[in-house]
PDB file of N, CA and C in Angstrom:
ATOM      1  N   UNK A   1     -24.246   4.557 -20.319  1.00  0.00           N
ATOM      2  CA  UNK A   1     -24.251   4.965 -18.927  1.00  0.00           C
ATOM      3  C   UNK A   1     -23.751   3.827 -18.004  1.00  0.00           C
ATOM      4  N   UNK A   2     -24.129   2.608 -18.051  1.00  0.00           N
ATOM      5  CA  UNK A   2     -23.780   1.519 -17.431  1.00  0.00           C
ATOM      6  C   UNK A   2     -22.175   1.157 -17.642  1.00  0.00           C
ATOM      7  N   UNK A   3     -21.607   1.387 -18.597  1.00  0.00           N
ATOM      8  CA  UNK A   3     -19.968   1.454 -18.778  1.00  0.00           C
ATOM      9  C   UNK A   3     -19.341   2.300 -17.978  1.00  0.00           C
ATOM     10  N   UNK A   4     -19.869   3.493 -17.756  1.00  0.00           N
ATOM     11  CA  UNK A   4     -19.428   4.549 -16.918  1.00  0.00           C
ATOM     12  C   UNK A   4     -19.348   4.280 -15.445  1.00  0.00           C
ATOM     13  N   UNK A   5     -20.392   3.614 -15.041  1.00  0.00           N
ATOM     14  CA  UNK A   5     -20.588   3.112 -13.573  1.00  0.00           C
ATOM     15  C   UNK A   5     -19.478   2.064 -13.429  1.00  0.00           C
ATOM     16  N   UNK A   6     -19.263   1.084 -14.454  1.00  0.00           N
ATOM     17  CA  UNK A   6     -18.459   0.039 -14.156  1.00  0.00           C
ATOM     18  C   UNK A   6     -17.026   0.483 -14.217  1.00  0.00           C
ATOM     19  N   UNK A   7     -16.890   1.478 -14.804  1.00  0.00           N
ATOM     20  CA  UNK A   7     -15.378   2.269 -14.903  1.00  0.00           C
ATOM     21  C   UNK A   7     -15.134   2.683 -13.581  1.00  0.00           C
ATOM     22  N   UNK A   8     -16.022   3.561 -12.934  1.00  0.00           N
ATOM     23  CA  UNK A   8     -15.933   4.087 -11.697  1.00  0.00           C
ATOM     24  C   UNK A   8     -15.775   3.128 -10.620  1.00  0.00           C
ATOM     25  N   UNK A   9     -16.669   2.049 -10.738  1.00  0.00           N
ATOM     26  CA  UNK A   9     -16.498   1.031  -9.893  1.00  0.00           C
ATOM     27  C   UNK A   9     -15.101   0.348  -9.724  1.00  0.00           C
ATOM     28  N   UNK A  10     -14.620   0.215 -10.957  1.00  0.00           N
ATOM     29  CA  UNK A  10     -13.079  -0.464 -11.038  1.00  0.00           C
ATOM     30  C   UNK A  10     -12.133   0.645 -10.606  1.00  0.00           C
ATOM     31  N   UNK A  11     -12.314   1.824 -10.785  1.00  0.00           N
ATOM     32  CA  UNK A  11     -11.403   2.914 -10.249  1.00  0.00           C
ATOM     33  C   UNK A  11     -11.396   2.641  -8.682  1.00  0.00           C
ATOM     34  N   UNK A  12     -12.654   2.726  -8.046  1.00  0.00           N
ATOM     35  CA  UNK A  12     -12.717   2.809  -6.747  1.00  0.00           C
ATOM     36  C   UNK A  12     -12.077   1.418  -5.954  1.00  0.00           C
ATOM     37  N   UNK A  13     -12.131   0.425  -6.938  1.00  0.00           N
ATOM     38  CA  UNK A  13     -11.536  -1.123  -6.432  1.00  0.00           C
ATOM     39  C   UNK A  13     -10.067  -0.718  -6.609  1.00  0.00           C
ATOM     40  N   UNK A  14      -9.605  -0.345  -7.719  1.00  0.00           N
ATOM     41  CA  UNK A  14      -8.222  -0.088  -7.808  1.00  0.00           C
ATOM     42  C   UNK A  14      -7.433   0.719  -6.743  1.00  0.00           C
ATOM     43  N   UNK A  15      -8.322   2.030  -6.257  1.00  0.00           N
ATOM     44  CA  UNK A  15      -7.783   2.745  -5.167  1.00  0.00           C
ATOM     45  C   UNK A  15      -7.744   1.882  -3.968  1.00  0.00           C
ATOM     46  N   UNK A  16      -8.918   1.091  -3.648  1.00  0.00           N
ATOM     47  CA  UNK A  16      -8.865   0.439  -2.223  1.00  0.00           C
ATOM     48  C   UNK A  16      -7.767  -0.746  -2.292  1.00  0.00           C
ATOM     49  N   UNK A  17      -7.410  -1.336  -3.422  1.00  0.00           N
ATOM     50  CA  UNK A  17      -6.221  -2.030  -3.496  1.00  0.00           C
ATOM     51  C   UNK A  17      -5.080  -1.441  -3.233  1.00  0.00           C
ATOM     52  N   UNK A  18      -4.480  -0.186  -3.970  1.00  0.00           N
ATOM     53  CA  UNK A  18      -3.461   0.280  -3.480  1.00  0.00           C
ATOM     54  C   UNK A  18      -3.395   0.873  -2.060  1.00  0.00           C
ATOM     55  N   UNK A  19      -4.392   1.321  -1.321  1.00  0.00           N
ATOM     56  CA  UNK A  19      -4.449   1.698  -0.188  1.00  0.00           C
ATOM     57  C   UNK A  19      -4.145   0.434   0.792  1.00  0.00           C
ATOM     58  N   UNK A  20      -4.770  -0.863   0.472  1.00  0.00           N
ATOM     59  CA  UNK A  20      -4.724  -1.646   1.352  1.00  0.00           C
ATOM     60  C   UNK A  20      -2.985  -2.178   1.260  1.00  0.00           C
ATOM     61  N   UNK A  21      -2.300  -2.041   0.066  1.00  0.00           N
ATOM     62  CA  UNK A  21      -0.891  -2.555  -0.196  1.00  0.00           C
ATOM     63  C   UNK A  21      -0.138  -1.640   0.748  1.00  0.00           C
ATOM     64  N   UNK A  22      -0.348  -0.052   0.766  1.00  0.00           N
ATOM     65  CA  UNK A  22       0.401   0.640   1.162  1.00  0.00           C
ATOM     66  C   UNK A  22       0.151   0.490   3.108  1.00  0.00           C
ATOM     67  N   UNK A  23      -1.019   0.373   3.403  1.00  0.00           N
ATOM     68  CA  UNK A  23      -1.339   0.104   4.717  1.00  0.00           C
ATOM     69  C   UNK A  23      -0.679  -1.128   5.153  1.00  0.00           C
ATOM     70  N   UNK A  24      -0.542  -2.241   4.443  1.00  0.00           N
ATOM     71  CA  UNK A  24      -0.017  -3.561   4.836  1.00  0.00           C
ATOM     72  C   UNK A  24       1.601  -3.315   5.065  1.00  0.00           C
ATOM     73  N   UNK A  25       1.968  -2.449   4.205  1.00  0.00           N
ATOM     74  CA  UNK A  25       3.680  -2.289   4.277  1.00  0.00           C
ATOM     75  C   UNK A  25       3.884  -1.470   5.529  1.00  0.00           C
ATOM     76  N   UNK A  26       2.980  -0.362   5.825  1.00  0.00           N
ATOM     77  CA  UNK A  26       3.227   0.367   6.886  1.00  0.00           C
ATOM     78  C   UNK A  26       3.226  -0.474   8.102  1.00  0.00           C
ATOM     79  N   UNK A  27       1.987  -1.052   8.424  1.00  0.00           N
ATOM     80  CA  UNK A  27       1.779  -1.858   9.502  1.00  0.00           C
ATOM     81  C   UNK A  27       2.772  -3.003   9.573  1.00  0.00           C
ATOM     82  N   UNK A  28       3.323  -3.755   8.674  1.00  0.00           N
ATOM     83  CA  UNK A  28       4.272  -4.677   8.654  1.00  0.00           C
ATOM     84  C   UNK A  28       5.814  -4.022   9.286  1.00  0.00           C
ATOM     85  N   UNK A  29       5.927  -2.869   8.726  1.00  0.00           N
ATOM     86  CA  UNK A  29       7.142  -2.370   9.408  1.00  0.00           C
ATOM     87  C   UNK A  29       7.079  -1.723  10.769  1.00  0.00           C
ATOM     88  N   UNK A  30       6.048  -1.200  10.961  1.00  0.00           N
ATOM     89  CA  UNK A  30       5.715  -0.783  12.496  1.00  0.00           C
ATOM     90  C   UNK A  30       5.724  -2.060  13.354  1.00  0.00           C
ATOM     91  N   UNK A  31       5.353  -3.153  12.923  1.00  0.00           N
ATOM     92  CA  UNK A  31       5.470  -4.321  13.942  1.00  0.00           C
ATOM     93  C   UNK A  31       6.984  -4.771  14.136  1.00  0.00           C
ATOM     94  N   UNK A  32       7.659  -4.508  12.856  1.00  0.00           N
ATOM     95  CA  UNK A  32       9.034  -4.723  12.883  1.00  0.00           C
ATOM     96  C   UNK A  32       9.862  -3.876  13.977  1.00  0.00           C
ATOM     97  N   UNK A  33       9.389  -2.720  13.987  1.00  0.00           N
ATOM     98  CA  UNK A  33      10.122  -1.696  14.851  1.00  0.00           C
ATOM     99  C   UNK A  33       9.737  -1.906  16.388  1.00  0.00           C
ATOM    100  N   UNK A  34       8.384  -2.442  16.580  1.00  0.00           N
ATOM    101  CA  UNK A  34       8.217  -2.667  17.976  1.00  0.00           C
ATOM    102  C   UNK A  34       8.623  -4.169  18.496  1.00  0.00           C
ATOM    103  N   UNK A  35       9.106  -5.049  17.604  1.00  0.00           N
ATOM    104  CA  UNK A  35       9.727  -6.338  17.931  1.00  0.00           C
ATOM    105  C   UNK A  35      11.091  -6.190  18.576  1.00  0.00           C
ATOM    106  N   UNK A  36      11.519  -7.144  19.287  1.00  0.00           N
ATOM    107  CA  UNK A  36      12.946  -7.126  20.076  1.00  0.00           C
ATOM    108  C   UNK A  36      14.071  -7.500  18.991  1.00  0.00           C
ATOM    109  N   UNK A  37      13.622  -7.848  17.958  1.00  0.00           N
ATOM    110  CA  UNK A  37      14.963  -8.507  16.766  1.00  0.00           C
ATOM    111  C   UNK A  37      15.223  -7.258  16.322  1.00  0.00           C
ATOM    112  N   UNK A  38      16.496  -7.299  15.580  1.00  0.00           N
ATOM    113  CA  UNK A  38      16.989  -6.136  14.958  1.00  0.00           C
ATOM    114  C   UNK A  38      16.437  -5.952  13.547  1.00  0.00           C
ATOM    115  N   UNK A  39      16.267  -4.726  13.086  1.00  0.00           N
ATOM    116  CA  UNK A  39      15.686  -4.301  11.934  1.00  0.00           C
ATOM    117  C   UNK A  39      16.342  -4.964  10.756  1.00  0.00           C
ATOM    118  N   UNK A  40      15.654  -5.295   9.721  1.00  0.00           N
ATOM    119  CA  UNK A  40      15.978  -5.921   8.317  1.00  0.00           C
ATOM    120  C   UNK A  40      16.089  -4.843   7.432  1.00  0.00           C
ATOM    121  N   UNK A  41      17.255  -4.398   6.921  1.00  0.00           N
ATOM    122  CA  UNK A  41      17.365  -3.264   6.104  1.00  0.00           C
ATOM    123  C   UNK A  41      16.903  -3.659   4.583  1.00  0.00           C
ATOM    124  N   UNK A  42      16.879  -4.892   4.276  1.00  0.00           N
ATOM    125  CA  UNK A  42      16.345  -5.212   2.858  1.00  0.00           C
ATOM    126  C   UNK A  42      14.774  -5.101   2.983  1.00  0.00           C
ATOM    127  N   UNK A  43      14.026  -5.563   4.162  1.00  0.00           N
ATOM    128  CA  UNK A  43      12.930  -5.528   4.182  1.00  0.00           C
ATOM    129  C   UNK A  43      12.411  -3.862   4.265  1.00  0.00           C
ATOM    130  N   UNK A  44      13.129  -3.098   4.705  1.00  0.00           N
ATOM    131  CA  UNK A  44      12.687  -1.833   4.966  1.00  0.00           C
ATOM    132  C   UNK A  44      12.939  -1.018   3.537  1.00  0.00           C
ATOM    133  N   UNK A  45      13.818  -1.416   2.830  1.00  0.00           N
ATOM    134  CA  UNK A  45      13.993  -0.851   1.410  1.00  0.00           C
ATOM    135  C   UNK A  45      12.697  -1.483   0.523  1.00  0.00           C
ATOM    136  N   UNK A  46      12.526  -2.460   0.554  1.00  0.00           N
ATOM    137  CA  UNK A  46      11.367  -2.922  -0.045  1.00  0.00           C
ATOM    138  C   UNK A  46       9.906  -2.189   0.227  1.00  0.00           C
ATOM    139  N   UNK A  47       9.849  -2.106   1.373  1.00  0.00           N
ATOM    140  CA  UNK A  47       8.505  -1.354   1.899  1.00  0.00           C
ATOM    141  C   UNK A  47       8.614   0.024   1.556  1.00  0.00           C
ATOM    142  N   UNK A  48       9.946   0.731   1.255  1.00  0.00           N
ATOM    143  CA  UNK A  48      10.103   2.052   1.038  1.00  0.00           C
ATOM    144  C   UNK A  48       9.662   2.315  -0.474  1.00  0.00           C
ATOM    145  N   UNK A  49      10.071   1.090  -1.286  1.00  0.00           N
ATOM    146  CA  UNK A  49       9.723   1.178  -2.823  1.00  0.00           C
ATOM    147  C   UNK A  49       8.282   1.022  -3.036  1.00  0.00           C
ATOM    148  N   UNK A  50       7.775   0.152  -2.263  1.00  0.00           N
ATOM    149  CA  UNK A  50       6.348  -0.008  -2.602  1.00  0.00           C
ATOM    150  C   UNK A  50       5.496   1.156  -2.113  1.00  0.00           C
ATOM    151  N   UNK A  51       5.556   1.600  -1.139  1.00  0.00           N
ATOM    152  CA  UNK A  51       4.577   2.623  -0.652  1.00  0.00           C
ATOM    153  C   UNK A  51       4.528   3.708  -1.384  1.00  0.00           C
ATOM    154  N   UNK A  52       5.863   4.535  -1.662  1.00  0.00           N
ATOM    155  CA  UNK A  52       5.654   5.683  -2.510  1.00  0.00           C
ATOM    156  C   UNK A  52       4.990   5.630  -3.757  1.00  0.00           C
ATOM    157  N   UNK A  53       5.171   4.281  -4.308  1.00  0.00           N
ATOM    158  CA  UNK A  53       4.394   4.296  -5.596  1.00  0.00           C
ATOM    159  C   UNK A  53       2.803   4.043  -5.529  1.00  0.00           C
ATOM    160  N   UNK A  54       2.425   3.688  -4.440  1.00  0.00           N
ATOM    161  CA  UNK A  54       1.010   3.693  -4.198  1.00  0.00           C
ATOM    162  C   UNK A  54       0.406   4.846  -3.573  1.00  0.00           C
ATOM    163  N   UNK A  55       1.104   5.771  -2.816  1.00  0.00           N
ATOM    164  CA  UNK A  55       0.507   6.965  -2.282  1.00  0.00           C
ATOM    165  C   UNK A  55      -0.014   7.796  -3.398  1.00  0.00           C
ATOM    166  N   UNK A  56       0.720   8.199  -4.514  1.00  0.00           N
ATOM    167  CA  UNK A  56       0.223   9.304  -5.357  1.00  0.00           C
ATOM    168  C   UNK A  56      -0.999   8.489  -6.301  1.00  0.00           C
ATOM    169  N   UNK A  57      -1.086   7.301  -6.313  1.00  0.00           N
ATOM    170  CA  UNK A  57      -2.505   6.669  -6.905  1.00  0.00           C
ATOM    171  C   UNK A  57      -3.518   7.113  -6.332  1.00  0.00           C
ATOM    172  N   UNK A  58      -3.582   7.290  -4.965  1.00  0.00           N
ATOM    173  CA  UNK A  58      -4.671   7.438  -4.124  1.00  0.00           C
ATOM    174  C   UNK A  58      -5.308   8.995  -4.252  1.00  0.00           C
ATOM    175  N   UNK A  59      -4.327   9.721  -4.809  1.00  0.00           N
ATOM    176  CA  UNK A  59      -4.918  11.231  -4.988  1.00  0.00           C
ATOM    177  C   UNK A  59      -5.887  11.537  -6.016  1.00  0.00           C
TER     178      UNK A  59
END
């Protein structure tokens, strides 16, 4: 029973980390959209690659 509880807590922790990574990418790119500097295409590509990989893990 204790192993099952630890496995569930680990799963919740992994979901929280995935959510934090996705949220960080979104907030970083939103901040860049609001800034006066031109957009960096490489940074947008990196965020686009990271975020879709994390979203399905949350379901």
